C-alpha atoms as a PDB file:
ATOM      1  CA  UNK A   1      23.666  14.992 -12.856  1.00  0.00           C
ATOM      2  CA  UNK A   2      21.686  11.641 -13.356  1.00  0.00           C
ATOM      3  CA  UNK A   3      19.996  10.038 -10.076  1.00  0.00           C
ATOM      4  CA  UNK A   4      18.379   7.573 -11.664  1.00  0.00           C
ATOM      5  CA  UNK A   5      14.220   7.576 -12.631  1.00  0.00           C
ATOM      6  CA  UNK A   6      11.242   6.673 -11.513  1.00  0.00           C
ATOM      7  CA  UNK A   7       8.372   4.401 -13.632  1.00  0.00           C
ATOM      8  CA  UNK A   8       4.903   4.196 -12.039  1.00  0.00           C
ATOM      9  CA  UNK A   9       2.520   1.505 -12.306  1.00  0.00           C
ATOM     10  CA  UNK A  10      -1.248   1.589 -11.348  1.00  0.00           C
ATOM     11  CA  UNK A  11      -1.945  -1.846 -10.318  1.00  0.00           C
ATOM     12  CA  UNK A  12      -5.796  -2.601 -10.388  1.00  0.00           C
ATOM     13  CA  UNK A  13      -6.617  -3.630  -6.653  1.00  0.00           C
ATOM     14  CA  UNK A  14      -9.451  -6.257  -8.177  1.00  0.00           C
ATOM     15  CA  UNK A  15      -8.181  -9.425  -6.205  1.00  0.00           C
ATOM     16  CA  UNK A  16      -8.108 -11.616  -9.788  1.00  0.00           C
ATOM     17  CA  UNK A  17      -4.894  -9.350 -10.558  1.00  0.00           C
ATOM     18  CA  UNK A  18      -3.057 -10.085  -7.597  1.00  0.00           C
ATOM     19  CA  UNK A  19      -1.036 -12.943  -9.544  1.00  0.00           C
ATOM     20  CA  UNK A  20       0.251 -11.003 -12.270  1.00  0.00           C
ATOM     21  CA  UNK A  21       0.877  -8.082 -10.095  1.00  0.00           C
ATOM     22  CA  UNK A  22       3.136 -10.807  -8.056  1.00  0.00           C
ATOM     23  CA  UNK A  23       5.134 -12.224 -10.978  1.00  0.00           C
ATOM     24  CA  UNK A  24       5.451  -8.134 -12.660  1.00  0.00           C
ATOM     25  CA  UNK A  25       7.307  -7.259  -8.707  1.00  0.00           C
ATOM     26  CA  UNK A  26       9.311 -10.111  -8.480  1.00  0.00           C
ATOM     27  CA  UNK A  27      10.606  -9.013 -12.368  1.00  0.00           C
ATOM     28  CA  UNK A  28      10.906  -5.610 -11.247  1.00  0.00           C
ATOM     29  CA  UNK A  29      12.890  -6.586  -7.758  1.00  0.00           C
ATOM     30  CA  UNK A  30      15.306  -8.312  -9.785  1.00  0.00           C
ATOM     31  CA  UNK A  31      16.728  -5.747 -11.271  1.00  0.00           C
ATOM     32  CA  UNK A  32      19.788  -4.231  -9.701  1.00  0.00           C
ATOM     33  CA  UNK A  33      19.672  -1.021  -8.223  1.00  0.00           C
ATOM     34  CA  UNK A  34      15.562  -1.305  -7.964  1.00  0.00           C
ATOM     35  CA  UNK A  35      14.213   0.673  -4.775  1.00  0.00           C
ATOM     36  CA  UNK A  36       9.838   0.377  -4.514  1.00  0.00           C
ATOM     37  CA  UNK A  37       8.288   2.729  -3.190  1.00  0.00           C
ATOM     38  CA  UNK A  38       4.344   1.207  -3.148  1.00  0.00           C
ATOM     39  CA  UNK A  39       1.266   3.788  -2.252  1.00  0.00           C
ATOM     40  CA  UNK A  40      -1.619   1.434  -1.387  1.00  0.00           C
ATOM     41  CA  UNK A  41      -4.946   3.353  -1.935  1.00  0.00           C
ATOM     42  CA  UNK A  42      -8.347   2.644  -0.161  1.00  0.00           C
ATOM     43  CA  UNK A  43     -11.165   4.004  -0.176  1.00  0.00           C
ATOM     44  CA  UNK A  44     -11.278   5.665   3.526  1.00  0.00           C
ATOM     45  CA  UNK A  45     -15.618   5.687   3.338  1.00  0.00           C
ATOM     46  CA  UNK A  46     -15.194   1.828   3.104  1.00  0.00           C
ATOM     47  CA  UNK A  47     -16.037   0.267   6.247  1.00  0.00           C
ATOM     48  CA  UNK A  48     -13.281  -1.441   8.404  1.00  0.00           C
ATOM     49  CA  UNK A  49     -13.348  -4.352   7.666  1.00  0.00           C
ATOM     50  CA  UNK A  50     -13.143  -3.922   4.042  1.00  0.00           C
ATOM     51  CA  UNK A  51     -10.324  -1.239   4.625  1.00  0.00           C
ATOM     52  CA  UNK A  52      -7.959  -4.142   6.444  1.00  0.00           C
ATOM     53  CA  UNK A  53      -9.319  -6.441   3.955  1.00  0.00           C
ATOM     54  CA  UNK A  54      -7.519  -5.083   0.910  1.00  0.00           C
ATOM     55  CA  UNK A  55      -4.770  -4.097   2.516  1.00  0.00           C
ATOM     56  CA  UNK A  56      -4.214  -6.828   4.428  1.00  0.00           C
ATOM     57  CA  UNK A  57      -4.214  -8.680   0.876  1.00  0.00           C
ATOM     58  CA  UNK A  58      -1.931  -6.446  -0.543  1.00  0.00           C
ATOM     59  CA  UNK A  59       0.487  -7.054   2.472  1.00  0.00           C
ATOM     60  CA  UNK A  60       0.440 -10.223   2.881  1.00  0.00           C
ATOM     61  CA  UNK A  61       1.345 -10.731  -0.976  1.00  0.00           C
ATOM     62  CA  UNK A  62       3.945  -8.011  -0.868  1.00  0.00           C
ATOM     63  CA  UNK A  63       5.653  -9.718   2.424  1.00  0.00           C
ATOM     64  CA  UNK A  64       5.862 -13.220   0.458  1.00  0.00           C
ATOM     65  CA  UNK A  65       7.477 -11.210  -2.560  1.00  0.00           C
ATOM     66  CA  UNK A  66       9.877  -9.345  -0.300  1.00  0.00           C
ATOM     67  CA  UNK A  67      10.769 -12.403   1.540  1.00  0.00           C
ATOM     68  CA  UNK A  68      11.841 -14.681  -1.349  1.00  0.00           C
ATOM     69  CA  UNK A  69      14.232 -11.936  -2.451  1.00  0.00           C
ATOM     70  CA  UNK A  70      15.073 -11.866   1.489  1.00  0.00           C
ATOM     71  CA  UNK A  71      15.078  -8.489   0.854  1.00  0.00           C
ATOM     72  CA  UNK A  72      13.555  -5.452   4.072  1.00  0.00           C
ATOM     73  CA  UNK A  73      14.869  -2.187   2.448  1.00  0.00           C
ATOM     74  CA  UNK A  74      13.795  -2.688  -1.621  1.00  0.00           C
ATOM     75  CA  UNK A  75      10.676  -1.553  -0.719  1.00  0.00           C
ATOM     76  CA  UNK A  76       8.456   0.790   1.257  1.00  0.00           C
ATOM     77  CA  UNK A  77       4.506   0.519   1.481  1.00  0.00           C
ATOM     78  CA  UNK A  78       2.752   3.825   2.536  1.00  0.00           C
ATOM     79  CA  UNK A  79      -1.122   3.352   2.915  1.00  0.00           C
ATOM     80  CA  UNK A  80      -3.282   6.073   2.122  1.00  0.00           C
ATOM     81  CA  UNK A  81      -7.318   6.181   2.819  1.00  0.00           C
ATOM     82  CA  UNK A  82      -8.811   8.441   0.218  1.00  0.00           C
ATOM     83  CA  UNK A  83     -11.818  10.453   0.796  1.00  0.00           C
ATOM     84  CA  UNK A  84     -11.129  11.339   4.248  1.00  0.00           C
ATOM     85  CA  UNK A  85     -13.300  14.390   3.801  1.00  0.00           C
ATOM     86  CA  UNK A  86     -16.357  12.781   3.090  1.00  0.00           C
ATOM     87  CA  UNK A  87     -15.953  11.176   7.061  1.00  0.00           C
ATOM     88  CA  UNK A  88     -17.306  12.209  10.643  1.00  0.00           C
ATOM     89  CA  UNK A  89     -14.515  13.287  12.805  1.00  0.00           C
ATOM     90  CA  UNK A  90     -15.906   9.782  14.578  1.00  0.00           C
ATOM     91  CA  UNK A  91     -15.989   7.881  11.881  1.00  0.00           C
ATOM     92  CA  UNK A  92     -11.933   9.832  11.189  1.00  0.00           C
ATOM     93  CA  UNK A  93     -10.561   8.185  14.366  1.00  0.00           C
ATOM     94  CA  UNK A  94     -11.975   4.527  13.320  1.00  0.00           C
ATOM     95  CA  UNK A  95     -10.110   4.740  10.387  1.00  0.00           C
ATOM     96  CA  UNK A  96      -7.284   5.664  11.578  1.00  0.00           C
ATOM     97  CA  UNK A  97      -7.219   3.301  14.521  1.00  0.00           C
ATOM     98  CA  UNK A  98      -7.397   0.616  11.438  1.00  0.00           C
ATOM     99  CA  UNK A  99      -4.918   1.991   9.778  1.00  0.00           C
ATOM    100  CA  UNK A 100      -2.524   2.152  12.772  1.00  0.00           C
ATOM    101  CA  UNK A 101      -3.761  -1.774  13.275  1.00  0.00           C
ATOM    102  CA  UNK A 102      -2.652  -2.886  10.322  1.00  0.00           C
ATOM    103  CA  UNK A 103       1.122  -1.201  10.023  1.00  0.00           C
ATOM    104  CA  UNK A 104       1.567  -2.516  13.188  1.00  0.00           C
ATOM    105  CA  UNK A 105       0.634  -5.983  12.055  1.00  0.00           C
ATOM    106  CA  UNK A 106       2.767  -6.046   8.677  1.00  0.00           C
ATOM    107  CA  UNK A 107       6.554  -5.890   8.646  1.00  0.00           C
ATOM    108  CA  UNK A 108       6.587  -4.112   4.981  1.00  0.00           C
ATOM    109  CA  UNK A 109       4.422  -0.923   5.944  1.00  0.00           C
ATOM    110  CA  UNK A 110       6.469   2.418   6.655  1.00  0.00           C
ATOM    111  CA  UNK A 111       3.859   4.716   6.675  1.00  0.00           C
ATOM    112  CA  UNK A 112      -0.218   5.204   7.128  1.00  0.00           C
ATOM    113  CA  UNK A 113      -2.579   8.681   6.394  1.00  0.00           C
ATOM    114  CA  UNK A 114      -5.956   9.659   5.447  1.00  0.00           C
ATOM    115  CA  UNK A 115      -5.951  11.985   2.217  1.00  0.00           C
ATOM    116  CA  UNK A 116      -8.493  14.255   1.989  1.00  0.00           C
ATOM    117  CA  UNK A 117      -9.786  15.183  -1.576  1.00  0.00           C
ATOM    118  CA  UNK A 118     -11.448  18.028  -1.674  1.00  0.00           C
ATOM    119  CA  UNK A 119     -10.027  20.656  -4.597  1.00  0.00           C
ATOM    120  CA  UNK A 120      -8.371  23.855  -2.952  1.00  0.00           C
END
């Protein structure tokens, strides 16, 4: 039984790539039966301002593209803060607060989490 296929893309996070990403996302959304699961990965070791800026830049692009297609359920965005194992307990609380604030201010973010990158 065939349920579908998965295609993974790694969009570079640099600002100069956001224009082409926008066009690429639009083309993906034009395909019938396409659902997007988007992971935005930020370094939890960055400052809270940098984390907020990176997430906001991506989510504003995604909100714009989704609204252009009048979509609400075609994509969901998960924010992952990597390298949480490098943070103190105090810093973890600060980063979790920032992630919650950004999630609450965006209509496209479905989940936020910090990721411990230690090998097991």
